[in-house]
Protein backbone atom coordinates (compact mmCIF):
# COMPACT_ATOMS: atom_id res chain seq x y z
CA MET A 1 26.64 -12.77 14.07
CA LYS A 2 23.98 -13.52 16.66
CA LYS A 3 21.37 -15.92 14.83
CA HIS A 4 17.58 -15.32 16.44
CA PRO A 5 15.11 -17.97 16.73
CA ILE A 6 12.10 -17.28 14.53
CA PRO A 7 9.96 -16.54 17.18
CA ARG A 8 6.58 -18.21 18.01
CA LEU A 9 2.96 -17.59 17.71
CA THR A 10 1.38 -17.48 21.10
CA ARG A 11 -1.96 -19.66 21.07
CA ARG A 12 -3.07 -18.29 24.96
CA HIS A 13 -4.18 -15.49 24.19
CA PHE A 14 -5.01 -12.54 21.85
CA LEU A 15 -2.14 -10.68 21.29
CA ASP A 16 -1.70 -6.51 22.36
CA PHE A 17 0.09 -3.73 20.48
CA ALA A 18 3.51 -4.72 22.84
CA GLU A 19 3.24 -8.36 21.59
CA VAL A 20 2.51 -8.08 17.60
CA THR A 21 5.58 -5.43 17.68
CA ASP A 22 7.19 -7.71 19.75
CA PHE A 23 6.86 -10.88 17.06
CA VAL A 24 7.07 -9.04 13.94
CA GLU A 25 10.23 -7.00 15.10
CA LYS A 26 11.76 -10.94 16.05
CA LEU A 27 10.62 -12.44 12.70
CA ALA A 28 12.46 -9.76 10.74
CA ALA A 29 15.47 -9.87 12.98
CA ALA A 30 15.67 -14.08 12.59
CA CYS A 31 15.57 -14.04 8.86
CA PRO A 32 16.77 -10.98 7.19
CA ASP A 33 17.09 -12.14 3.81
CA LEU A 34 13.33 -12.98 3.81
CA VAL A 35 11.83 -10.87 6.01
CA SER A 36 11.69 -6.56 6.11
CA LEU A 37 9.47 -4.89 8.66
CA GLY A 38 8.53 -1.25 7.75
CA THR A 39 5.20 0.93 8.01
CA LEU A 40 2.41 2.36 6.12
CA GLY A 41 2.35 5.23 8.25
CA VAL A 42 0.82 5.56 11.44
CA SER A 43 -2.57 5.21 13.35
CA ARG A 44 -4.95 8.12 14.60
CA GLU A 45 -3.46 7.88 18.05
CA GLY A 46 -0.18 7.41 16.73
CA ARG A 47 0.48 3.52 17.02
CA PRO A 48 2.75 2.42 13.38
CA LEU A 49 0.69 0.44 11.20
CA TYR A 50 3.16 -2.71 10.63
CA HIS A 51 3.72 -4.14 7.18
CA LEU A 52 5.98 -6.99 6.33
CA THR A 53 7.77 -7.72 3.21
CA ILE A 54 8.30 -11.55 2.92
CA THR A 55 10.12 -12.49 -0.03
CA ASP A 56 13.41 -14.27 -1.33
CA SER A 57 16.14 -11.43 -1.53
CA SER A 58 18.53 -13.08 -3.44
CA THR A 59 16.25 -13.28 -6.53
CA GLY A 60 15.64 -9.52 -7.07
CA ALA A 61 13.64 -7.00 -4.80
CA ALA A 62 9.85 -7.23 -3.97
CA HIS A 63 9.46 -4.33 -6.18
CA ASP A 64 10.41 -6.40 -9.17
CA LYS A 65 8.01 -9.51 -8.02
CA PRO A 66 4.34 -9.94 -8.74
CA ALA A 67 3.18 -9.22 -5.23
CA TYR A 68 0.46 -10.87 -2.64
CA LEU A 69 -1.12 -8.35 -0.36
CA ILE A 70 -2.88 -9.83 3.35
CA HIS A 71 -4.26 -7.83 5.51
CA ALA A 72 -6.07 -7.96 8.97
CA ASN A 73 -7.61 -6.18 11.81
CA ILE A 74 -9.58 -3.91 10.27
CA HIS A 75 -12.71 -4.48 12.34
CA ALA A 76 -11.30 -3.58 16.30
CA SER A 77 -12.94 -6.98 17.60
CA GLU A 78 -11.63 -9.30 14.75
CA LEU A 79 -8.87 -10.09 16.44
CA SER A 80 -8.22 -13.29 15.39
CA GLY A 81 -6.93 -11.61 11.89
CA THR A 82 -3.56 -10.73 13.61
CA HIS A 83 -3.04 -14.13 14.77
CA ALA A 84 -3.89 -15.40 11.00
CA ALA A 85 -2.18 -13.15 9.47
CA LEU A 86 1.35 -13.51 11.52
CA ALA A 87 0.83 -17.20 11.38
CA THR A 88 0.66 -16.94 7.59
CA ALA A 89 3.92 -14.77 7.87
CA ARG A 90 5.63 -17.21 10.05
CA ARG A 91 4.54 -20.50 7.78
CA LEU A 92 6.00 -18.59 4.29
CA VAL A 93 9.38 -18.26 6.06
CA LYS A 94 9.24 -21.52 7.62
CA ASP A 95 8.62 -23.56 4.25
CA HIS A 96 10.91 -21.66 2.06
CA PRO A 97 13.64 -24.21 2.16
CA LYS A 98 11.09 -27.06 0.80
CA SER A 99 9.31 -23.99 -1.80
CA ASP A 100 10.23 -21.76 -4.71
CA LEU A 101 7.46 -19.58 -3.46
CA LEU A 102 8.97 -16.59 -2.19
CA LYS A 103 11.82 -16.90 -5.32
CA ARG A 104 9.10 -15.61 -7.12
CA VAL A 105 5.93 -14.07 -5.14
CA ALA A 106 6.58 -10.85 -2.88
CA PHE A 107 4.00 -11.81 0.70
CA HIS A 108 2.96 -7.72 1.77
CA VAL A 109 1.70 -8.72 5.39
CA ILE A 110 -0.24 -6.06 6.96
CA PRO A 111 -1.61 -8.35 10.41
CA ARG A 112 -3.35 -5.18 12.14
CA LEU A 113 -4.68 -1.94 10.22
CA ASN A 114 -6.46 -0.95 12.86
CA PRO A 115 -4.39 -1.02 16.06
CA ASP A 116 -5.73 1.58 18.27
CA GLY A 117 -9.47 0.09 18.25
CA ALA A 118 -7.55 -3.56 18.68
CA GLU A 119 -5.62 -2.13 21.48
CA PHE A 120 -9.22 -0.85 22.98
CA VAL A 121 -10.76 -4.47 22.65
CA VAL A 122 -8.12 -6.40 23.61
CA LYS A 123 -7.92 -4.47 26.59
CA THR A 124 -10.82 -4.22 28.00
CA SER A 125 -13.45 -6.58 25.60
CA GLY A 126 -15.63 -3.23 24.92
CA LYS A 127 -17.20 -3.04 21.53
CA THR A 128 -16.03 -0.94 18.89
CA ARG A 129 -16.50 -1.56 15.11
CA SER A 130 -13.32 -0.41 13.30
CA ARG A 131 -13.28 3.53 15.57
CA THR A 132 -15.72 5.44 17.41
CA ASP A 133 -15.60 9.19 17.76
CA ARG A 134 -15.31 9.92 21.52
CA SER A 135 -13.52 13.16 20.57
CA GLN A 136 -16.63 15.66 21.55
CA ARG A 137 -18.80 14.04 24.65
CA LEU A 138 -22.11 14.87 23.90
CA PRO A 139 -24.77 14.80 26.49
CA ASN A 140 -27.05 12.31 27.51
CA THR A 141 -24.60 10.25 25.77
CA LEU A 142 -23.22 7.11 27.22
CA TYR A 143 -19.31 6.70 26.77
CA GLN A 144 -17.73 3.38 27.47
CA GLN A 145 -15.95 2.98 30.26
CA ASP A 146 -14.59 0.32 33.43
CA ILE A 147 -16.37 1.57 35.72
CA ASN A 148 -16.26 -1.42 38.79
CA GLY A 149 -12.52 -1.54 37.90
CA ASP A 150 -12.06 -5.12 37.18
CA GLY A 151 -10.62 -4.05 33.94
CA LEU A 152 -12.69 -4.86 31.85
CA ILE A 153 -15.88 -2.92 29.94
CA LEU A 154 -19.04 -5.60 30.09
CA THR A 155 -22.45 -4.57 29.88
CA MET A 156 -24.74 -3.28 32.46
CA ARG A 157 -28.69 -4.47 33.11
CA GLN A 158 -30.98 -2.92 34.98
CA GLN A 159 -34.65 -4.07 36.34
CA HIS A 160 -37.02 -1.36 34.15
CA PRO A 161 -40.62 -1.30 33.38
CA ASP A 162 -39.88 -0.76 29.95
CA GLY A 163 -36.85 -3.33 29.84
CA GLN A 164 -36.73 -5.16 26.09
CA PHE A 165 -34.95 -8.39 27.99
CA VAL A 166 -35.57 -11.30 30.64
CA ALA A 167 -33.25 -13.66 32.46
CA ASP A 168 -33.76 -16.94 30.12
CA PRO A 169 -35.40 -19.07 32.57
CA LYS A 170 -33.24 -22.07 30.49
CA ASP A 171 -29.97 -20.81 30.96
CA ARG A 172 -30.37 -17.47 34.03
CA ARG A 173 -26.54 -16.21 32.65
CA LEU A 174 -28.31 -15.18 29.42
CA LEU A 175 -30.58 -12.71 28.22
CA ILE A 176 -33.65 -12.90 25.98
CA GLN A 177 -36.01 -10.85 24.37
CA ARG A 178 -39.17 -10.40 26.42
CA THR A 179 -42.29 -11.93 24.57
CA ARG A 180 -46.17 -11.32 26.10
CA ASP A 181 -45.95 -14.22 27.89
CA SER A 182 -42.65 -12.75 29.73
CA LYS A 183 -42.52 -13.02 33.46
CA PRO A 184 -40.63 -9.84 35.26
CA PRO A 185 -37.99 -9.12 36.66
CA PHE A 186 -37.67 -6.62 33.12
CA TYR A 187 -34.41 -5.42 31.78
CA ARG A 188 -32.76 -2.59 29.96
CA THR A 189 -29.19 -2.73 28.68
CA LEU A 190 -26.42 -0.80 28.33
CA PRO A 191 -23.06 -0.91 27.76
CA GLU A 192 -20.90 -0.11 30.97
CA GLY A 193 -20.27 3.36 31.13
CA LEU A 194 -21.19 6.88 32.08
CA ILE A 195 -23.66 9.34 30.66
CA VAL A 196 -22.22 13.10 30.01
CA ASP A 197 -25.19 15.17 31.11
CA TRP A 198 -27.30 13.43 32.12
CA ASP A 199 -30.52 14.76 32.05
CA GLY A 200 -32.27 11.53 34.33
CA SER A 201 -34.63 10.87 30.77
CA ASP A 202 -34.65 7.15 29.48
CA ASN A 203 -33.19 8.91 26.35
CA ILE A 204 -29.48 7.38 26.82
CA ARG A 205 -27.88 7.20 23.41
CA ILE A 206 -24.42 5.22 23.02
CA GLU A 207 -21.56 6.78 22.52
CA GLY A 208 -20.73 9.05 19.32
CA ARG A 209 -20.36 8.22 15.81
CA SER A 210 -19.36 4.70 14.63
CA PHE A 211 -16.73 4.11 11.37
CA ASP A 212 -16.86 0.99 9.61
CA TRP A 213 -13.84 1.02 7.34
CA ASN A 214 -14.85 -2.00 5.63
CA ARG A 215 -17.16 1.01 3.88
CA ASN A 216 -14.88 3.24 3.40
CA TRP A 217 -13.22 2.26 -0.11
CA SER A 218 -13.59 4.11 -3.02
CA TYR A 219 -15.94 2.09 -5.07
CA ASP A 220 -19.55 2.93 -4.77
CA TRP A 221 -18.45 4.64 -1.65
CA ARG A 222 -22.05 6.45 -0.21
CA PRO A 223 -22.73 9.17 2.46
CA GLU A 224 -23.96 8.18 6.09
CA PRO A 225 -26.78 7.60 6.36
CA GLU A 226 -27.54 5.96 3.10
CA GLN A 227 -24.42 3.31 4.41
CA GLY A 228 -24.01 3.33 8.04
CA GLY A 229 -19.94 3.57 8.95
CA ALA A 230 -19.03 4.90 5.82
CA GLY A 231 -16.96 8.09 6.94
CA ASP A 232 -16.62 11.21 5.49
CA PHE A 233 -15.30 10.75 2.16
CA PRO A 234 -13.54 7.44 0.73
CA PHE A 235 -10.43 6.69 2.23
CA SER A 236 -11.30 9.62 5.24
CA GLU A 237 -9.66 7.62 8.29
CA PRO A 238 -5.64 8.40 8.14
CA GLU A 239 -5.38 4.43 8.49
CA MET A 240 -7.44 3.97 5.27
CA ARG A 241 -5.71 6.29 3.07
CA ALA A 242 -1.91 5.22 4.03
CA MET A 243 -3.75 1.11 3.14
CA ALA A 244 -4.99 3.19 -0.46
CA GLY A 245 -1.51 4.82 -0.85
CA PHE A 246 0.19 1.85 -0.36
CA ILE A 247 -1.68 -0.54 -2.85
CA HIS A 248 -1.79 2.16 -5.38
CA SER A 249 1.97 2.87 -5.36
CA ARG A 250 2.19 -1.38 -6.37
CA PRO A 251 1.39 -1.85 -9.45
CA ASN A 252 2.81 -5.44 -9.05
CA LEU A 253 -0.01 -6.81 -7.09
CA PHE A 254 -1.65 -9.63 -8.38
CA GLY A 255 -4.25 -10.61 -5.14
CA ILE A 256 -5.21 -9.67 -1.91
CA LEU A 257 -6.65 -11.58 0.65
CA GLY A 258 -8.20 -9.99 4.17
CA TYR A 259 -9.15 -11.81 7.64
CA HIS A 260 -12.16 -10.40 9.60
CA ASN A 261 -14.52 -12.97 11.67
CA GLY A 262 -17.41 -13.56 11.26
CA PRO A 263 -20.05 -16.77 11.09
CA ALA A 264 -16.84 -18.86 9.58
CA ALA A 265 -16.98 -18.08 5.43
CA THR A 266 -15.12 -18.36 2.17
CA LEU A 267 -16.23 -14.78 0.94
CA ARG A 268 -15.76 -13.04 -2.96
CA PRO A 269 -17.29 -10.81 -5.02
CA PRO A 270 -19.62 -9.11 -5.79
CA SER A 271 -20.59 -7.48 -2.45
CA THR A 272 -23.39 -4.91 -4.57
CA GLY A 273 -25.94 -6.28 -7.19
CA ALA A 274 -25.43 -9.44 -8.42
CA ASP A 275 -23.55 -12.03 -10.31
CA SER A 276 -25.12 -11.18 -13.39
CA ASP A 277 -22.84 -7.58 -13.13
CA LEU A 278 -19.53 -9.61 -13.45
CA ASP A 279 -17.87 -9.91 -16.27
CA ALA A 280 -18.79 -13.91 -16.63
CA ALA A 281 -15.14 -15.16 -17.61
CA ASP A 282 -14.58 -13.68 -14.40
CA LEU A 283 -16.87 -15.16 -11.75
CA ARG A 284 -16.06 -18.16 -13.21
CA GLU A 285 -12.56 -17.54 -12.01
CA MET A 286 -13.57 -16.30 -8.51
CA ARG A 287 -15.95 -18.93 -8.04
CA ASP A 288 -13.35 -21.80 -8.99
CA LEU A 289 -11.08 -20.07 -6.15
CA ALA A 290 -13.59 -19.70 -3.38
CA ARG A 291 -14.42 -23.03 -4.02
CA LEU A 292 -11.29 -24.02 -3.70
CA GLY A 293 -10.69 -21.84 -0.74
CA ALA A 294 -14.19 -23.74 0.93
CA ARG A 295 -12.60 -26.97 -0.06
CA VAL A 296 -9.66 -26.67 1.88
CA THR A 297 -10.45 -24.54 4.78
CA GLY A 298 -13.95 -26.33 5.35
CA LEU A 299 -15.17 -22.87 5.91
CA PRO A 300 -17.97 -22.19 3.02
CA GLU A 301 -18.53 -20.16 -0.08
CA PHE A 302 -20.94 -17.33 -0.45
CA ALA A 303 -20.73 -14.19 -2.98
CA VAL A 304 -20.97 -11.00 -0.30
CA VAL A 305 -24.46 -10.13 -0.79
CA LYS A 306 -25.62 -13.70 0.08
CA TYR A 307 -23.60 -13.79 3.44
CA HIS A 308 -26.93 -12.95 5.36
CA ARG A 309 -29.21 -14.08 7.67
CA GLN A 310 -32.40 -16.13 5.71
CA TYR A 311 -35.32 -13.63 6.98
CA ASN A 312 -32.93 -10.59 5.49
CA PRO A 313 -32.68 -9.40 2.04
CA ASP A 314 -29.51 -9.46 0.08
CA LEU A 315 -26.63 -7.12 1.22
CA ASN A 316 -25.53 -4.07 -0.77
CA LEU A 317 -22.66 -3.20 1.22
CA ARG A 318 -21.14 0.16 -0.73
CA GLY A 319 -17.67 1.16 -0.12
CA HIS A 320 -16.68 -2.46 0.50
CA PHE A 321 -13.64 -4.21 -0.24
CA HIS A 322 -14.72 -6.88 -2.56
CA ASN A 323 -15.88 -4.09 -4.97
CA PHE A 324 -13.34 -1.81 -4.55
CA GLY A 325 -10.56 -5.03 -5.02
CA TYR A 326 -12.45 -6.04 -8.39
CA HIS A 327 -14.06 -2.88 -10.55
CA HIS A 328 -11.19 -0.84 -9.18
CA LEU A 329 -8.43 -2.87 -8.66
CA GLY A 330 -9.15 -5.53 -11.17
CA LEU A 331 -8.16 -7.98 -8.91
CA PHE A 332 -9.61 -11.41 -8.07
CA VAL A 333 -10.26 -10.55 -4.07
CA PHE A 334 -11.41 -12.71 -1.48
CA GLU A 335 -11.35 -12.58 2.65
CA PHE A 336 -11.78 -15.74 5.49
CA GLU A 337 -14.27 -14.59 8.07
CA LEU A 338 -12.62 -17.15 10.05
CA GLY A 339 -15.42 -18.11 12.61
CA ILE A 340 -17.58 -16.87 15.90
CA LEU A 341 -17.78 -19.12 19.06
CA LEU A 342 -21.03 -20.39 17.92
CA ASN A 343 -18.84 -21.79 15.15
CA SER A 344 -16.22 -23.92 17.66
CA ALA A 345 -19.61 -24.93 19.50
CA GLY A 346 -20.25 -27.47 16.33
CA ILE A 347 -23.00 -25.16 14.92
CA ALA A 348 -22.09 -24.62 10.95
CA THR A 349 -22.68 -21.37 9.08
CA THR A 350 -26.01 -22.55 7.31
CA GLU A 351 -27.64 -23.40 10.84
CA ILE A 352 -26.03 -20.00 11.91
CA LEU A 353 -27.65 -17.66 8.59
CA GLY A 354 -30.58 -20.35 8.95
CA VAL A 355 -31.98 -19.14 11.67
CA GLU A 356 -35.63 -17.44 10.81
CA ASN A 357 -36.19 -15.53 14.61
CA GLN A 358 -34.91 -14.38 17.82
CA GLU A 359 -36.19 -17.09 19.39
CA GLN A 360 -33.89 -19.68 16.88
CA TYR A 361 -30.73 -17.59 17.71
CA GLU A 362 -30.92 -17.94 21.63
CA THR A 363 -31.63 -21.83 20.80
CA LEU A 364 -28.09 -21.40 19.66
CA LEU A 365 -26.38 -19.40 22.55
CA ARG A 366 -28.14 -22.19 24.69
CA ARG A 367 -26.08 -24.48 22.96
CA MET A 368 -22.81 -22.35 22.97
CA MET A 369 -22.92 -21.90 26.34
CA ALA A 370 -24.03 -26.20 26.96
CA TRP A 371 -20.76 -26.56 25.07
CA TRP A 372 -18.48 -24.18 27.01
CA ASP A 373 -19.91 -25.43 29.95
CA ARG A 374 -18.14 -29.23 28.82
CA GLN A 375 -15.01 -27.77 28.14
CA ALA A 376 -12.14 -28.74 29.95
CA LYS A 377 -10.08 -25.91 28.91
CA ARG A 378 -11.57 -22.55 28.35
CA ASP A 379 -11.23 -19.07 27.84
CA THR A 380 -13.29 -16.96 30.14
CA ILE A 381 -16.17 -16.01 27.93
CA PHE A 382 -19.04 -14.84 30.54
CA ARG A 383 -18.90 -12.43 33.70
CA PRO A 384 -21.31 -13.53 36.61
CA TRP A 385 -24.21 -10.91 36.76
CA LYS A 386 -22.75 -8.69 40.34
CA ARG A 387 -24.83 -5.80 41.93
CA PHE A 388 -23.23 -2.37 41.03
CA ARG A 389 -24.29 1.08 42.52
CA HIS A 390 -24.03 3.00 39.35
CA PRO A 391 -22.94 6.89 40.45
CA GLN A 392 -25.99 7.91 37.91
CA LEU A 393 -28.02 4.95 37.85
CA GLY A 394 -28.95 3.85 40.77
CA ASN A 395 -28.27 -0.55 41.46
CA LEU A 396 -27.82 -2.44 38.92
CA GLU A 397 -25.59 -5.26 37.39
CA ILE A 398 -22.40 -5.50 35.78
CA GLY A 399 -21.42 -8.93 33.74
CA GLY A 400 -22.02 -11.29 30.45
CA LEU A 401 -20.74 -12.07 27.34
CA LEU A 402 -16.67 -10.72 26.61
CA THR A 403 -17.66 -9.54 22.92
CA ARG A 404 -13.40 -10.10 22.52
CA HIS A 405 -13.80 -14.25 22.82
CA THR A 406 -17.65 -14.95 21.43
CA GLY A 407 -16.93 -13.20 18.16
CA GLY A 408 -14.03 -15.31 16.93
CA PRO A 409 -13.31 -19.09 17.21
CA THR A 410 -11.27 -20.72 20.15
CA LEU A 411 -7.46 -19.95 19.57
CA ASN A 412 -7.09 -23.68 19.64
CA ASP A 413 -9.50 -23.94 17.15
CA LEU A 414 -8.22 -20.92 14.94
CA GLN A 415 -5.16 -22.81 15.17
CA LYS A 416 -6.28 -25.27 12.57
CA ILE A 417 -8.35 -23.05 10.42
CA ILE A 418 -5.52 -20.91 9.94
CA GLN A 419 -3.34 -23.80 8.76
CA ASN A 420 -5.83 -24.26 5.92
CA THR A 421 -6.24 -20.72 5.26
CA TYR A 422 -2.50 -20.79 4.12
CA ARG A 423 -2.89 -23.80 2.03
CA PHE A 424 -5.47 -21.38 -0.05
CA THR A 425 -3.26 -18.33 0.10
CA VAL A 426 -0.26 -20.30 -1.34
CA GLU A 427 -2.76 -21.78 -4.52
CA HIS A 428 -3.53 -18.33 -5.11
CA ALA A 429 -0.57 -16.87 -4.77
CA SER A 430 1.24 -19.79 -7.42
CA ARG A 431 -0.85 -19.07 -9.80
CA HIS A 432 0.69 -15.38 -10.77
CA PRO A 433 1.79 -13.88 -13.71
CA TRP A 434 5.44 -13.94 -14.27
CA VAL A 435 6.96 -12.21 -17.13
CA LYS A 436 10.08 -13.33 -18.22
CA ILE A 437 12.71 -12.84 -20.86
CA ASP A 438 13.73 -16.36 -22.82
CA ASP A 439 15.59 -16.77 -25.63
CA LEU A 440 17.90 -14.27 -25.75
CA ARG A 441 20.11 -14.53 -28.91
CA VAL A 442 22.94 -12.14 -29.20
CA ASP A 443 24.22 -12.48 -33.09
CA ARG A 444 26.87 -10.53 -35.57
CA VAL A 445 25.53 -9.94 -39.06
CA GLY A 446 27.83 -7.95 -39.82
CA GLU A 447 31.56 -5.53 -39.51
CA GLN A 448 30.02 -3.78 -36.89
CA ILE A 449 26.31 -5.08 -37.05
CA VAL A 450 24.73 -6.87 -34.38
CA ARG A 451 21.22 -8.57 -33.82
CA ILE A 452 19.19 -8.85 -30.56
CA ARG A 453 16.60 -11.67 -31.00
CA ALA A 454 14.49 -11.96 -27.27
CA ARG A 455 11.19 -13.70 -26.34
CA VAL A 456 8.96 -11.48 -23.49
CA ALA A 457 6.47 -13.85 -22.02
CA ASN A 458 4.45 -14.53 -19.36
CA ARG A 459 5.21 -17.93 -17.95
CA GLY A 460 2.40 -17.79 -14.86
CA GLN A 461 -1.00 -18.89 -14.87
CA PHE A 462 -2.61 -15.45 -14.46
CA PRO A 463 -2.56 -13.09 -17.50
CA THR A 464 -0.78 -9.57 -17.04
CA HIS A 465 -4.35 -8.15 -16.68
CA VAL A 466 -5.31 -10.69 -14.50
CA SER A 467 -8.91 -10.33 -14.76
CA ASN A 468 -10.80 -9.20 -17.61
CA LYS A 469 -12.26 -6.54 -16.14
CA GLY A 470 -8.36 -5.24 -15.47
CA ARG A 471 -7.64 -5.35 -18.86
CA ASN A 472 -9.04 -1.77 -19.20
CA LEU A 473 -7.68 -0.41 -16.10
CA ASP A 474 -4.97 2.03 -16.41
CA ARG A 475 -3.74 0.45 -12.77
CA LEU A 476 -2.80 -3.23 -14.30
CA ARG A 477 0.11 -1.80 -16.44
CA LYS A 478 0.13 -3.36 -19.89
CA VAL A 479 4.38 -4.95 -20.53
CA GLU A 480 6.50 -1.93 -21.83
CA VAL A 481 10.28 -2.80 -22.91
CA ALA A 482 13.10 -0.78 -22.63
CA LEU A 483 16.00 -1.34 -25.06
CA ARG A 484 19.10 0.58 -22.54
CA LEU A 485 22.48 0.82 -24.51
CA ALA A 486 25.74 1.31 -23.60
CA ASP A 487 27.07 5.23 -24.71
CA ASP A 488 29.30 3.94 -27.61
CA VAL A 489 26.29 1.29 -29.00
CA THR A 490 23.61 2.93 -31.66
CA LEU A 491 20.33 1.37 -32.05
CA LEU A 492 19.64 1.31 -36.30
CA SER A 493 15.90 -0.31 -36.34
CA ARG A 494 12.79 0.53 -34.62
CA GLU A 495 11.91 1.89 -31.43
CA GLY A 496 13.98 1.59 -28.15
CA HIS A 497 10.67 1.58 -26.51
CA ILE A 498 8.32 -0.70 -26.89
CA ARG A 499 4.76 -1.34 -25.57
CA VAL A 500 3.99 -4.77 -25.62
CA GLY A 501 0.40 -4.67 -23.95
CA HIS A 502 -0.87 -7.22 -21.70
CA LEU A 503 0.26 -10.99 -21.85
CA ALA A 504 -1.99 -13.99 -21.83
CA GLY A 505 -0.86 -16.28 -18.87
CA LEU A 506 1.39 -19.56 -19.59
CA THR A 507 1.87 -18.85 -23.32
CA GLY A 508 1.67 -15.56 -23.96
CA SER A 509 4.95 -14.07 -25.48
CA ARG A 510 6.17 -11.52 -28.21
CA THR A 511 9.59 -11.98 -29.43
CA LEU A 512 11.21 -9.04 -30.51
CA GLU A 513 14.37 -7.66 -33.06
CA TRP A 514 16.72 -5.29 -33.30
CA PHE A 515 19.99 -4.36 -34.83
CA LEU A 516 22.59 -2.63 -33.18
CA LYS A 517 25.97 -0.73 -34.54
CA THR A 518 28.97 -1.19 -32.20
CA ASP A 519 33.09 -1.39 -32.92
CA ARG A 520 33.00 -3.63 -29.50
CA ARG A 521 34.29 -7.80 -29.96
CA ARG A 522 33.24 -8.58 -26.55
CA GLY A 523 31.46 -7.22 -23.10
CA ALA A 524 28.12 -5.66 -22.53
CA LEU A 525 26.27 -3.66 -25.08
CA GLY A 526 23.48 -2.69 -22.59
CA GLU A 527 20.20 -4.31 -20.75
CA ILE A 528 16.69 -5.26 -21.94
CA ALA A 529 14.43 -4.09 -18.93
CA VAL A 530 10.73 -4.87 -18.98
CA SER A 531 8.19 -3.75 -16.92
CA GLY A 532 5.47 -6.24 -16.08
CA GLY A 533 3.01 -5.10 -14.00
CA ALA A 534 0.94 -7.46 -12.12
CA GLY A 535 3.84 -9.70 -13.74
CA GLY A 536 6.76 -8.26 -11.96
CA ASN A 537 9.83 -7.22 -13.71
CA ALA A 538 13.02 -8.76 -15.21
CA CYS A 539 15.80 -7.42 -17.00
CA ALA A 540 18.21 -9.20 -19.07
CA THR A 541 22.13 -7.92 -19.76
CA ILE A 542 22.62 -8.15 -23.50
CA ARG A 543 26.39 -9.68 -24.51
CA LEU A 544 28.38 -10.01 -26.84
CA PRO A 545 29.12 -14.57 -26.99
CA GLN A 546 33.01 -15.01 -27.07
CA GLY A 547 33.79 -16.35 -30.26
CA ILE A 548 32.64 -14.11 -32.20
CA ARG A 549 34.65 -13.33 -35.05
CA SER A 550 33.98 -10.14 -37.57
């Protein structure tokens, strides 16, 4: 049989859908004993939602092991997340010979939850959050389109007496906010595109309704306009419904990590309210893990509610992943904001979030452009302003910054960041609960009587309920034991199905005992099957030991 090499992940550009497909197919083909490729379903436009399952199949099926989920690219323009997720999948496979993690844990990697939006951004550098409804073309509404034929969707600037912007006198490539001291020309800006049924007025709306899938989770969901981008109801988007079905069909999930692009950060719950709303012990554990993430990655730790510009109030993001993961799933969940181009230019997240006004932010943009000018090898982040005769608006210019590049770190920086986020992933995953059957003993105590003793234990660091919040959530299933006997073996004592309950981490155990009646002198009498929820499942065969005599 031909051996397939483990594919390399390009560092030269962001991946389009065909390249993502090629990578996941080649990784699964290269390592069939470790990697299986499936889908959660299909996107609104019919693209598969790829799902990699990574575990050592020789030590059991993925559904019998504690499971860790990684998802990325829920926001269309946050393309770095796909790279991070695929790099993690590749590294798990490469590291397997020197690590036993895949023997104990199943990883689920969803590298691009939003393939439609990401494809739009990869191909055009156009702007969309998660999805923009373009199904209805509304009058006086501009819809993004490449109208000058250069393959990109950029910014149109047009001189206008009411324009909010002027060319930056310190860097003519940039547009800055108009002030009372600004000198003309003044510019208004619009995305590159055409206006449907325009009446010639300045009342131009920009595209259709915008959806933010990170406001479409079920916990504390609120309708629009109370929460912008929320959608029609929790999991209203087909991709998000597929994600919800995937998560809720896997009771063995004990941890989830999401990849995003914003000013570099390690994010933890809560996403509404305050730390005091969380269980105190859970908060300590989450802080410890988030601070570990900050130490190994250099991405500073924030609670989501505190991840904002200095002059803004605390965030309250309804229907957000972090509160869903903690309150509805009972898990310690995290997101890595992998950074933006300002971070690659040497500007720290604390400085980005610490700006107090637009003028200070414009200073950061000038620093970014000056840094970019000094790079010998660099992505194309800016297209010069070029005159264009718009069929509706008349004379204007098209150009500006490419959002697909300014919205993330450089691909070279991303490789270093990913190496460190991987270190956190391995450490977080290594704390999994782990349900085992210890000290199984089979003794004959009479002519036809056999005694079975077994210790059902959790030898992982997390308890089987993972968090205190999870202790009373039905999703985090309590440990149950089933005694399955051969047809000619009779159970003499107590029940064959026992609900053990949750087990504490490392030291949590319970000793169980049964008495059986059998005429057998050798062989298997049946099995003990343990359903351990987030701790995985375990099974042991009950065998009469050699040499037993009546």
